[in-house]
Amino acid sequence: MVLSRRERQVLRLVCLGFTNAEIARQLGNSEPTICKRISTLMAAVGAVNRVQLVLWAVTHPECFGGCAAPVGLHPRRCFCGNAHCTAMRIADAFLDQVA
C-alpha cells in the first residue's frame, strides 16, 4: 500500500497519540477533514479502531519509506509511558503473535 505524504503525516500523528483536534491544528486542517482521513486510512487497512491502525503502522514500515517505524514510535513503548497500560498489553500480545 502506498500512502500519500498527507496520509503519512496524519498516521504518524495518530501513532504519537495526538487527538483529531490536535492533528487538525498541527496540519492546518479542520477536525472533520482529519476525521475523514483517519476513517479512510482505517478502512484501507482493515482497522476498526485507532489501536489497530497504530499496530498496522508499526508492522508495515514500508509505508513510511522503509523506516523501522513511524518517526517517534517504538513498538515496545506506549505513548503514556506506562508499561502496564491496556494499549501496551494489546501491542505486546499482537507483536508476540507476529514475531
N, C-alpha and C. Protein backbone atom coordinates (compact mmCIF):
# COMPACT_ATOMS: atom_id res chain seq x y z
N MET A 1 0.84 -1.18 0.00
CA MET A 1 0.00 0.00 0.00
C MET A 1 0.88 1.24 0.00
N VAL A 2 0.55 2.18 -0.85
CA VAL A 2 1.30 3.43 -0.93
C VAL A 2 0.45 4.53 -0.32
N LEU A 3 1.02 5.20 0.66
CA LEU A 3 0.32 6.30 1.32
C LEU A 3 0.82 7.63 0.77
N SER A 4 -0.09 8.59 0.68
CA SER A 4 0.31 9.93 0.27
C SER A 4 1.10 10.58 1.40
N ARG A 5 1.75 11.67 1.09
CA ARG A 5 2.51 12.41 2.10
C ARG A 5 1.60 12.82 3.25
N ARG A 6 0.41 13.32 2.94
CA ARG A 6 -0.52 13.76 3.97
C ARG A 6 -1.01 12.58 4.81
N GLU A 7 -1.28 11.45 4.17
CA GLU A 7 -1.70 10.26 4.92
C GLU A 7 -0.61 9.81 5.88
N ARG A 8 0.64 9.87 5.43
CA ARG A 8 1.76 9.51 6.32
C ARG A 8 1.85 10.48 7.49
N GLN A 9 1.63 11.77 7.23
CA GLN A 9 1.67 12.76 8.30
C GLN A 9 0.57 12.49 9.33
N VAL A 10 -0.63 12.26 8.84
CA VAL A 10 -1.76 12.00 9.74
C VAL A 10 -1.51 10.72 10.53
N LEU A 11 -1.10 9.67 9.86
CA LEU A 11 -0.87 8.40 10.52
C LEU A 11 0.24 8.51 11.57
N ARG A 12 1.29 9.24 11.26
CA ARG A 12 2.37 9.44 12.23
C ARG A 12 1.85 10.12 13.49
N LEU A 13 1.02 11.14 13.32
CA LEU A 13 0.49 11.85 14.48
C LEU A 13 -0.49 10.98 15.26
N VAL A 14 -1.26 10.15 14.58
CA VAL A 14 -2.13 9.19 15.27
C VAL A 14 -1.25 8.25 16.10
N CYS A 15 -0.17 7.77 15.51
CA CYS A 15 0.75 6.87 16.20
C CYS A 15 1.38 7.52 17.43
N LEU A 16 1.55 8.81 17.37
CA LEU A 16 2.14 9.53 18.50
C LEU A 16 1.11 9.90 19.57
N GLY A 17 -0.16 9.52 19.34
CA GLY A 17 -1.18 9.72 20.36
C GLY A 17 -1.92 11.04 20.29
N PHE A 18 -1.79 11.79 19.20
CA PHE A 18 -2.49 13.06 19.06
C PHE A 18 -3.98 12.81 18.85
N THR A 19 -4.81 13.69 19.36
CA THR A 19 -6.25 13.64 19.10
C THR A 19 -6.53 14.22 17.72
N ASN A 20 -7.75 14.02 17.24
CA ASN A 20 -8.12 14.60 15.94
C ASN A 20 -7.96 16.11 15.95
N ALA A 21 -8.37 16.75 17.03
CA ALA A 21 -8.27 18.21 17.12
C ALA A 21 -6.80 18.66 17.09
N GLU A 22 -5.94 17.93 17.79
CA GLU A 22 -4.52 18.28 17.80
C GLU A 22 -3.89 18.08 16.42
N ILE A 23 -4.27 16.99 15.75
CA ILE A 23 -3.76 16.74 14.40
C ILE A 23 -4.21 17.85 13.46
N ALA A 24 -5.48 18.24 13.57
CA ALA A 24 -6.02 19.31 12.71
C ALA A 24 -5.23 20.60 12.90
N ARG A 25 -4.97 20.96 14.15
CA ARG A 25 -4.20 22.19 14.42
C ARG A 25 -2.78 22.06 13.88
N GLN A 26 -2.16 20.90 14.10
CA GLN A 26 -0.78 20.68 13.66
C GLN A 26 -0.63 20.80 12.14
N LEU A 27 -1.63 20.26 11.41
CA LEU A 27 -1.54 20.22 9.95
C LEU A 27 -2.31 21.34 9.25
N GLY A 28 -3.00 22.16 10.03
CA GLY A 28 -3.74 23.27 9.43
C GLY A 28 -4.99 22.84 8.68
N ASN A 29 -5.61 21.76 9.12
CA ASN A 29 -6.86 21.28 8.53
C ASN A 29 -7.98 21.41 9.54
N SER A 30 -9.20 21.15 9.09
CA SER A 30 -10.33 21.13 10.01
C SER A 30 -10.40 19.75 10.67
N GLU A 31 -11.03 19.69 11.83
CA GLU A 31 -11.17 18.42 12.52
C GLU A 31 -11.99 17.41 11.70
N PRO A 32 -13.10 17.83 11.03
CA PRO A 32 -13.82 16.86 10.19
C PRO A 32 -12.95 16.29 9.05
N THR A 33 -12.06 17.10 8.50
CA THR A 33 -11.16 16.61 7.45
C THR A 33 -10.24 15.53 8.00
N ILE A 34 -9.69 15.76 9.17
CA ILE A 34 -8.80 14.79 9.80
C ILE A 34 -9.57 13.52 10.14
N CYS A 35 -10.77 13.68 10.66
CA CYS A 35 -11.61 12.52 10.98
C CYS A 35 -11.85 11.67 9.74
N LYS A 36 -12.12 12.32 8.62
CA LYS A 36 -12.36 11.61 7.36
C LYS A 36 -11.09 10.91 6.89
N ARG A 37 -9.95 11.58 7.01
CA ARG A 37 -8.68 10.97 6.60
C ARG A 37 -8.37 9.73 7.43
N ILE A 38 -8.61 9.82 8.73
CA ILE A 38 -8.35 8.68 9.61
C ILE A 38 -9.32 7.54 9.29
N SER A 39 -10.59 7.86 9.05
CA SER A 39 -11.57 6.84 8.69
C SER A 39 -11.18 6.16 7.38
N THR A 40 -10.70 6.93 6.43
CA THR A 40 -10.27 6.38 5.14
C THR A 40 -9.06 5.46 5.33
N LEU A 41 -8.10 5.90 6.14
CA LEU A 41 -6.93 5.06 6.43
C LEU A 41 -7.35 3.76 7.11
N MET A 42 -8.25 3.86 8.09
CA MET A 42 -8.70 2.67 8.82
C MET A 42 -9.39 1.70 7.87
N ALA A 43 -10.23 2.21 7.00
CA ALA A 43 -10.92 1.35 6.05
C ALA A 43 -9.93 0.69 5.09
N ALA A 44 -8.93 1.43 4.67
CA ALA A 44 -7.95 0.91 3.70
C ALA A 44 -7.13 -0.25 4.28
N VAL A 45 -6.86 -0.19 5.58
CA VAL A 45 -6.01 -1.24 6.18
C VAL A 45 -6.83 -2.26 6.97
N GLY A 46 -8.14 -2.07 7.04
CA GLY A 46 -8.99 -3.01 7.75
C GLY A 46 -9.00 -2.85 9.26
N ALA A 47 -8.65 -1.67 9.73
CA ALA A 47 -8.66 -1.40 11.17
C ALA A 47 -10.04 -0.93 11.60
N VAL A 48 -10.46 -1.37 12.78
CA VAL A 48 -11.76 -0.92 13.29
C VAL A 48 -11.62 0.12 14.39
N ASN A 49 -10.38 0.40 14.82
CA ASN A 49 -10.16 1.45 15.82
C ASN A 49 -8.73 1.97 15.68
N ARG A 50 -8.41 2.99 16.45
CA ARG A 50 -7.09 3.63 16.35
C ARG A 50 -5.96 2.70 16.78
N VAL A 51 -6.22 1.86 17.76
CA VAL A 51 -5.19 0.93 18.23
C VAL A 51 -4.78 0.01 17.08
N GLN A 52 -5.76 -0.53 16.38
CA GLN A 52 -5.45 -1.41 15.25
C GLN A 52 -4.73 -0.64 14.15
N LEU A 53 -5.09 0.61 13.95
CA LEU A 53 -4.40 1.42 12.94
C LEU A 53 -2.94 1.62 13.32
N VAL A 54 -2.67 1.90 14.58
CA VAL A 54 -1.29 2.07 15.06
C VAL A 54 -0.53 0.76 14.92
N LEU A 55 -1.14 -0.34 15.28
CA LEU A 55 -0.46 -1.63 15.15
C LEU A 55 -0.16 -1.94 13.69
N TRP A 56 -1.07 -1.58 12.81
CA TRP A 56 -0.82 -1.76 11.38
C TRP A 56 0.40 -0.94 10.97
N ALA A 57 0.45 0.30 11.42
CA ALA A 57 1.58 1.18 11.06
C ALA A 57 2.91 0.61 11.55
N VAL A 58 2.91 0.07 12.76
CA VAL A 58 4.14 -0.49 13.33
C VAL A 58 4.61 -1.70 12.54
N THR A 59 3.67 -2.47 12.02
CA THR A 59 4.03 -3.70 11.32
C THR A 59 4.17 -3.52 9.81
N HIS A 60 3.98 -2.31 9.31
CA HIS A 60 4.13 -2.03 7.88
C HIS A 60 5.05 -0.82 7.66
N PRO A 61 6.30 -0.94 8.07
CA PRO A 61 7.23 0.20 7.96
C PRO A 61 7.47 0.65 6.53
N GLU A 62 7.24 -0.24 5.57
CA GLU A 62 7.46 0.13 4.17
C GLU A 62 6.58 1.30 3.75
N CYS A 63 5.49 1.50 4.44
CA CYS A 63 4.58 2.60 4.12
C CYS A 63 5.12 3.94 4.58
N PHE A 64 6.21 3.90 5.32
CA PHE A 64 6.83 5.14 5.79
C PHE A 64 8.19 5.33 5.13
N GLY A 65 8.36 4.77 3.95
CA GLY A 65 9.60 4.96 3.21
C GLY A 65 10.72 4.04 3.66
N GLY A 66 10.38 2.93 4.31
CA GLY A 66 11.39 1.95 4.68
C GLY A 66 11.96 2.12 6.07
N CYS A 67 11.48 3.11 6.83
CA CYS A 67 11.95 3.28 8.20
C CYS A 67 11.47 2.10 9.03
N ALA A 68 12.11 1.87 10.16
CA ALA A 68 11.72 0.76 11.03
C ALA A 68 10.32 0.97 11.60
N ALA A 69 9.95 2.20 11.82
CA ALA A 69 8.62 2.53 12.34
C ALA A 69 8.42 4.02 12.13
N PRO A 70 7.18 4.49 12.21
CA PRO A 70 6.97 5.93 12.09
C PRO A 70 7.86 6.69 13.07
N VAL A 71 8.38 7.80 12.64
CA VAL A 71 9.28 8.59 13.48
C VAL A 71 8.63 8.84 14.83
N GLY A 72 9.38 8.59 15.89
CA GLY A 72 8.88 8.84 17.24
C GLY A 72 8.08 7.69 17.81
N LEU A 73 7.98 6.59 17.10
CA LEU A 73 7.17 5.48 17.58
C LEU A 73 8.03 4.23 17.68
N HIS A 74 7.99 3.62 18.81
CA HIS A 74 8.68 2.35 19.00
C HIS A 74 7.63 1.33 19.44
N PRO A 75 7.60 0.15 18.80
CA PRO A 75 6.52 -0.79 19.08
C PRO A 75 6.49 -1.34 20.49
N ARG A 76 7.51 -1.17 21.27
CA ARG A 76 7.50 -1.68 22.64
C ARG A 76 7.40 -0.58 23.69
N ARG A 77 7.03 0.60 23.28
CA ARG A 77 6.88 1.70 24.22
C ARG A 77 5.53 2.35 24.00
N CYS A 78 4.76 2.48 25.06
CA CYS A 78 3.44 3.10 24.94
C CYS A 78 3.57 4.62 24.97
N PHE A 79 2.59 5.28 24.40
CA PHE A 79 2.58 6.74 24.36
C PHE A 79 2.53 7.35 25.75
N CYS A 80 1.81 6.70 26.66
CA CYS A 80 1.64 7.26 28.00
C CYS A 80 2.85 6.97 28.89
N GLY A 81 3.73 6.07 28.46
CA GLY A 81 4.91 5.74 29.24
C GLY A 81 4.68 4.68 30.30
N ASN A 82 3.44 4.25 30.47
CA ASN A 82 3.11 3.25 31.47
C ASN A 82 3.18 1.87 30.84
N ALA A 83 4.13 1.07 31.28
CA ALA A 83 4.33 -0.26 30.69
C ALA A 83 3.19 -1.21 30.98
N HIS A 84 2.29 -0.84 31.86
CA HIS A 84 1.20 -1.75 32.25
C HIS A 84 -0.15 -1.32 31.70
N CYS A 85 -0.19 -0.33 30.84
CA CYS A 85 -1.48 0.14 30.33
C CYS A 85 -2.06 -0.86 29.33
N THR A 86 -3.33 -0.74 29.07
CA THR A 86 -4.02 -1.66 28.17
C THR A 86 -3.44 -1.63 26.77
N ALA A 87 -3.16 -0.44 26.24
CA ALA A 87 -2.62 -0.33 24.89
C ALA A 87 -1.29 -1.07 24.78
N MET A 88 -0.47 -0.97 25.81
CA MET A 88 0.83 -1.65 25.79
C MET A 88 0.64 -3.15 25.81
N ARG A 89 -0.27 -3.65 26.62
CA ARG A 89 -0.51 -5.10 26.68
C ARG A 89 -1.05 -5.62 25.36
N ILE A 90 -1.97 -4.86 24.72
CA ILE A 90 -2.51 -5.26 23.43
C ILE A 90 -1.40 -5.28 22.38
N ALA A 91 -0.58 -4.25 22.35
CA ALA A 91 0.51 -4.17 21.37
C ALA A 91 1.50 -5.31 21.59
N ASP A 92 1.86 -5.58 22.83
CA ASP A 92 2.79 -6.67 23.11
C ASP A 92 2.23 -8.01 22.66
N ALA A 93 0.96 -8.27 22.96
CA ALA A 93 0.34 -9.54 22.57
C ALA A 93 0.33 -9.69 21.06
N PHE A 94 -0.02 -8.60 20.37
CA PHE A 94 -0.06 -8.65 18.91
C PHE A 94 1.34 -8.87 18.34
N LEU A 95 2.30 -8.13 18.81
CA LEU A 95 3.65 -8.23 18.28
C LEU A 95 4.27 -9.58 18.60
N ASP A 96 3.92 -10.18 19.73
CA ASP A 96 4.41 -11.52 20.04
C ASP A 96 3.84 -12.55 19.07
N GLN A 97 2.61 -12.34 18.63
CA GLN A 97 1.98 -13.28 17.68
C GLN A 97 2.60 -13.19 16.30
N VAL A 98 2.99 -12.00 15.88
CA VAL A 98 3.52 -11.85 14.52
C VAL A 98 5.04 -12.00 14.46
N ALA A 99 5.68 -12.08 15.61
CA ALA A 99 7.14 -12.20 15.65
C ALA A 99 7.60 -13.60 15.26
